[in-house]
Amino acid sequence: MTTRLTNANFADGTIESGSVKLNTLSNDDFAANAAITKSKFNLSGSITDADITSAAGIPVSKCNGIAAEAEVDRLFYAVAAQNFKRSQNEGLSKQALVDGFVDQYEDETGVSSSTGMTYNSTDDYYNNASGVSGTIIGNSYSAESAPSKFRVILWQEDVGSPTANTDFIVSVSRDGGSTFTTATLTDGGYFTGASGMKIWSAKQTFSSTSGSSIVYKIECANQESRIHGVSVQWA
């Protein structure tokens, strides 16, 4: 029978780095409700990568002070929306984020190519005519390593009656645009008020060929849409 460790197994300040043999503790050694508080630790320094076995797989729920995945999602969407609004107010072109970017289409510097799409430099958007297919390909961005997932926000406005994920589609590549993973967009409501520009968001695991060169693609068809901007973040 395996005994798993919980907070009650330790008195305050009793766990020292020298008391634990390197690479001997894994996630399975701790109960799901272990919640071992930092007061139980008496460490002269910080816990480093070498102190935890690569097979540990310790989930966020067992670590105090680390944001859960849903919280990371909310933070990204909030930062992207704030930077999009700032770009509108200050007339900024594409902005770099940590492992990502925001492009409000203040100009065309963030777009590598567009076909079947017309750029409106007065109101800063791309649109396709009704019944005409169009594509926007963004510039490539270099990730530090091959990412496994991405988050995306699309700012889009109906002109006809387009359907998300059918009449406008967003996909992201991590191999420089050779292969793409399609995002499943979710309606986040209007950017302001009850009409006009909408916010669409998605979080997706890459299924395309691995790599570290990030490129996005937006495809429009059938119904006319105005595409006001896009933000992508990878991890």
Protein backbone atom coordinates (compact mmCIF):
# COMPACT_ATOMS: atom_id res chain seq x y z
CA MET A 1 0.00 0.00 0.00
CA THR A 2 1.38 3.40 -0.99
CA THR A 3 1.25 6.22 1.58
CA ARG A 4 0.97 9.64 -0.02
CA LEU A 5 2.26 12.77 1.67
CA THR A 6 0.02 15.58 2.84
CA ASN A 7 0.57 18.86 4.67
CA ALA A 8 -0.08 17.11 8.03
CA ASN A 9 2.97 14.87 7.57
CA PHE A 10 5.36 17.79 8.09
CA ALA A 11 5.99 20.20 10.94
CA ASP A 12 6.75 23.81 10.06
CA GLY A 13 10.27 24.40 8.79
CA THR A 14 11.28 20.73 8.71
CA ILE A 15 11.77 20.10 5.00
CA GLU A 16 15.33 20.98 4.01
CA SER A 17 16.85 20.59 0.57
CA GLY A 18 19.42 18.14 1.95
CA SER A 19 16.69 15.92 3.37
CA VAL A 20 15.34 14.92 -0.01
CA LYS A 21 17.39 12.79 -2.38
CA LEU A 22 17.50 14.33 -5.84
CA ASN A 23 14.96 12.94 -8.35
CA THR A 24 13.22 10.66 -5.79
CA LEU A 25 9.87 12.46 -5.37
CA SER A 26 7.27 12.55 -8.13
CA ASN A 27 3.66 13.70 -8.44
CA ASP A 28 2.41 10.26 -7.33
CA ASP A 29 4.07 10.68 -3.92
CA PHE A 30 1.70 13.50 -2.98
CA ALA A 31 -2.01 13.24 -2.25
CA ALA A 32 -4.29 15.32 -4.48
CA ASN A 33 -5.21 17.46 -1.44
CA ALA A 34 -1.65 17.68 -0.11
CA ALA A 35 -1.57 21.53 -0.14
CA ILE A 36 1.88 21.63 1.49
CA THR A 37 2.44 25.25 2.52
CA LYS A 38 5.74 27.07 2.14
CA SER A 39 6.02 27.43 5.95
CA LYS A 40 6.85 23.70 6.04
CA PHE A 41 10.00 24.31 4.01
CA ASN A 42 13.33 25.43 5.43
CA LEU A 43 15.35 26.10 2.30
CA SER A 44 18.43 28.28 2.06
CA GLY A 45 17.72 28.95 -1.59
CA SER A 46 14.99 28.48 -4.16
CA ILE A 47 13.68 25.27 -5.66
CA THR A 48 15.28 24.96 -9.08
CA ASP A 49 14.58 22.81 -12.10
CA ALA A 50 17.21 20.31 -10.96
CA ASP A 51 15.31 19.69 -7.70
CA ILE A 52 12.29 18.22 -9.52
CA THR A 53 12.40 15.10 -11.65
CA SER A 54 11.35 15.55 -15.28
CA ALA A 55 8.68 12.85 -14.76
CA ALA A 56 7.07 14.63 -11.80
CA GLY A 57 4.18 16.12 -13.79
CA ILE A 58 3.04 18.22 -10.82
CA PRO A 59 -0.27 19.88 -11.74
CA VAL A 60 -1.10 23.52 -11.08
CA SER A 61 -3.67 22.47 -8.44
CA LYS A 62 -0.81 21.34 -6.16
CA CYS A 63 1.17 24.57 -6.45
CA ASN A 64 0.13 27.69 -4.56
CA GLY A 65 0.55 30.97 -6.42
CA ILE A 66 0.62 29.59 -9.96
CA ALA A 67 -2.18 30.75 -12.26
CA ALA A 68 -4.51 28.09 -13.62
CA GLU A 69 -4.91 27.67 -17.38
CA ALA A 70 -8.25 29.49 -17.41
CA GLU A 71 -6.66 32.44 -15.63
CA VAL A 72 -3.87 32.58 -18.21
CA ASP A 73 -6.54 32.61 -20.93
CA ARG A 74 -8.33 35.56 -19.31
CA LEU A 75 -5.09 37.49 -18.87
CA PHE A 76 -4.14 37.02 -22.53
CA TYR A 77 -7.55 38.13 -23.77
CA ALA A 78 -7.50 41.17 -21.46
CA VAL A 79 -3.98 42.21 -22.52
CA ALA A 80 -4.78 41.71 -26.21
CA ALA A 81 -7.99 43.75 -25.97
CA GLN A 82 -6.22 46.54 -24.09
CA ASN A 83 -3.45 46.73 -26.68
CA PHE A 84 -5.97 46.66 -29.54
CA LYS A 85 -7.80 49.62 -27.99
CA ARG A 86 -4.50 51.43 -27.42
CA SER A 87 -3.58 50.89 -31.08
CA GLN A 88 -6.90 52.41 -32.13
CA ASN A 89 -6.47 55.45 -29.89
CA GLU A 90 -2.82 56.09 -30.69
CA GLY A 91 -2.67 54.98 -34.33
CA LEU A 92 -0.17 52.19 -33.70
CA SER A 93 0.69 49.40 -36.10
CA LYS A 94 1.37 45.81 -34.97
CA GLN A 95 2.59 45.41 -31.39
CA ALA A 96 4.77 42.64 -30.02
CA LEU A 97 3.65 40.78 -26.88
CA VAL A 98 5.48 38.10 -24.88
CA ASP A 99 5.25 35.11 -27.24
CA GLY A 100 2.67 36.86 -29.38
CA PHE A 101 1.47 40.02 -31.10
CA VAL A 102 -1.53 42.30 -31.73
CA ASP A 103 -2.22 43.84 -35.14
CA GLN A 104 -5.03 46.38 -35.32
CA TYR A 105 -4.44 46.95 -39.07
CA GLU A 106 -3.53 50.59 -38.58
CA ASP A 107 -1.47 49.90 -41.69
CA GLU A 108 -0.43 46.85 -43.72
CA THR A 109 3.04 46.32 -42.22
CA GLY A 110 1.96 43.19 -40.31
CA VAL A 111 0.49 41.50 -43.39
CA SER A 112 2.66 39.47 -45.73
CA SER A 113 0.03 39.13 -48.47
CA SER A 114 -3.69 39.43 -49.13
CA THR A 115 -5.76 38.16 -52.04
CA GLY A 116 -9.41 38.91 -52.70
CA MET A 117 -9.39 41.38 -49.78
CA THR A 118 -9.54 45.17 -49.97
CA TYR A 119 -7.69 47.25 -47.37
CA ASN A 120 -9.51 50.35 -46.11
CA SER A 121 -6.82 52.74 -44.87
CA THR A 122 -9.36 55.23 -43.52
CA ASP A 123 -11.12 52.88 -41.13
CA ASP A 124 -8.31 50.30 -40.81
CA TYR A 125 -9.83 47.01 -41.92
CA TYR A 126 -9.75 44.38 -44.67
CA ASN A 127 -12.92 43.15 -46.31
CA ASN A 128 -14.02 40.74 -49.01
CA ALA A 129 -16.90 41.50 -51.35
CA SER A 130 -20.01 39.34 -51.03
CA GLY A 131 -19.51 36.04 -52.85
CA VAL A 132 -15.76 36.63 -53.18
CA SER A 133 -13.20 34.50 -51.36
CA GLY A 134 -10.30 36.33 -49.76
CA THR A 135 -7.21 35.48 -47.71
CA ILE A 136 -4.91 37.41 -45.40
CA ILE A 137 -1.48 35.96 -44.56
CA GLY A 138 0.41 37.56 -41.68
CA ASN A 139 4.13 38.09 -41.30
CA SER A 140 6.14 35.31 -39.66
CA TYR A 141 7.16 35.55 -35.99
CA SER A 142 9.91 33.51 -34.35
CA ALA A 143 9.08 31.49 -31.25
CA GLU A 144 11.91 30.57 -28.85
CA SER A 145 11.00 26.91 -29.28
CA ALA A 146 8.34 24.87 -31.04
CA PRO A 147 5.02 25.75 -29.36
CA SER A 148 2.33 23.15 -28.67
CA LYS A 149 -0.72 25.44 -28.59
CA PHE A 150 -1.94 28.91 -29.50
CA ARG A 151 -4.57 31.44 -28.52
CA VAL A 152 -6.14 33.82 -31.01
CA ILE A 153 -8.48 36.82 -30.96
CA LEU A 154 -10.17 38.11 -34.10
CA TRP A 155 -11.92 41.48 -34.34
CA GLN A 156 -14.55 41.08 -37.06
CA GLU A 157 -17.62 43.01 -38.25
CA ASP A 158 -20.57 41.63 -40.21
CA VAL A 159 -21.52 43.32 -43.46
CA GLY A 160 -23.56 40.44 -44.84
CA SER A 161 -24.58 37.53 -42.62
CA PRO A 162 -21.38 35.50 -42.25
CA THR A 163 -21.06 32.43 -40.05
CA ALA A 164 -17.95 32.02 -37.91
CA ASN A 165 -15.73 29.04 -38.76
CA THR A 166 -17.43 28.80 -42.16
CA ASP A 167 -17.49 32.23 -43.81
CA PHE A 168 -14.48 33.50 -41.89
CA ILE A 169 -11.80 31.14 -40.61
CA VAL A 170 -8.57 31.70 -38.68
CA SER A 171 -5.69 29.22 -38.74
CA VAL A 172 -2.13 29.36 -37.42
CA SER A 173 1.07 27.72 -38.63
CA ARG A 174 4.24 26.96 -36.68
CA ASP A 175 6.30 25.90 -39.69
CA GLY A 176 6.38 29.21 -41.56
CA GLY A 177 3.06 28.79 -43.37
CA SER A 178 3.51 25.35 -44.94
CA THR A 179 0.84 23.68 -42.79
CA PHE A 180 -1.87 25.26 -40.65
CA THR A 181 -4.04 24.35 -37.64
CA THR A 182 -7.57 25.78 -37.81
CA ALA A 183 -8.93 27.52 -34.72
CA THR A 184 -12.52 27.05 -33.56
CA LEU A 185 -13.76 30.58 -32.91
CA THR A 186 -16.12 31.38 -30.04
CA ASP A 187 -18.29 34.52 -29.95
CA GLY A 188 -17.15 36.91 -27.23
CA GLY A 189 -19.76 39.58 -27.93
CA TYR A 190 -19.41 43.09 -29.28
CA PHE A 191 -16.21 45.04 -28.68
CA THR A 192 -18.24 48.04 -27.51
CA GLY A 193 -21.98 48.52 -27.24
CA ALA A 194 -24.49 46.22 -28.92
CA SER A 195 -23.48 46.42 -32.57
CA GLY A 196 -20.51 46.73 -34.91
CA MET A 197 -17.24 44.96 -34.29
CA LYS A 198 -17.28 41.57 -32.55
CA ILE A 199 -14.58 39.71 -30.63
CA TRP A 200 -13.97 36.07 -31.54
CA SER A 201 -11.53 33.95 -29.56
CA ALA A 202 -10.05 30.45 -29.61
CA LYS A 203 -7.48 28.27 -27.90
CA GLN A 204 -6.14 25.40 -29.95
CA THR A 205 -3.50 22.65 -29.81
CA PHE A 206 -1.24 22.62 -32.86
CA SER A 207 -1.79 19.67 -35.16
CA SER A 208 0.34 21.03 -38.00
CA THR A 209 4.01 20.26 -38.66
CA SER A 210 6.27 21.24 -35.78
CA GLY A 211 8.48 24.31 -35.97
CA SER A 212 9.02 27.75 -34.45
CA SER A 213 8.03 30.11 -37.27
CA ILE A 214 4.53 31.43 -36.50
CA VAL A 215 2.24 32.62 -39.31
CA TYR A 216 -1.51 33.25 -39.18
CA LYS A 217 -4.05 33.01 -41.98
CA ILE A 218 -7.57 34.50 -42.20
CA GLU A 219 -9.91 33.24 -44.90
CA CYS A 220 -13.23 34.88 -45.84
CA ALA A 221 -15.85 33.56 -48.26
CA ASN A 222 -19.52 33.73 -49.25
CA GLN A 223 -20.66 36.61 -47.01
CA GLU A 224 -18.88 39.94 -46.67
CA SER A 225 -16.88 40.57 -43.48
CA ARG A 226 -14.70 43.38 -42.23
CA ILE A 227 -11.59 42.16 -40.44
CA HIS A 228 -10.34 44.85 -38.07
CA GLY A 229 -7.46 43.02 -36.43
CA VAL A 230 -5.99 39.86 -34.96
CA SER A 231 -3.91 38.77 -31.99
CA VAL A 232 -2.03 35.48 -31.62
CA GLN A 233 -0.15 34.08 -28.62
CA TRP A 234 1.72 30.77 -28.53
CA ALA A 235 3.09 28.50 -25.82
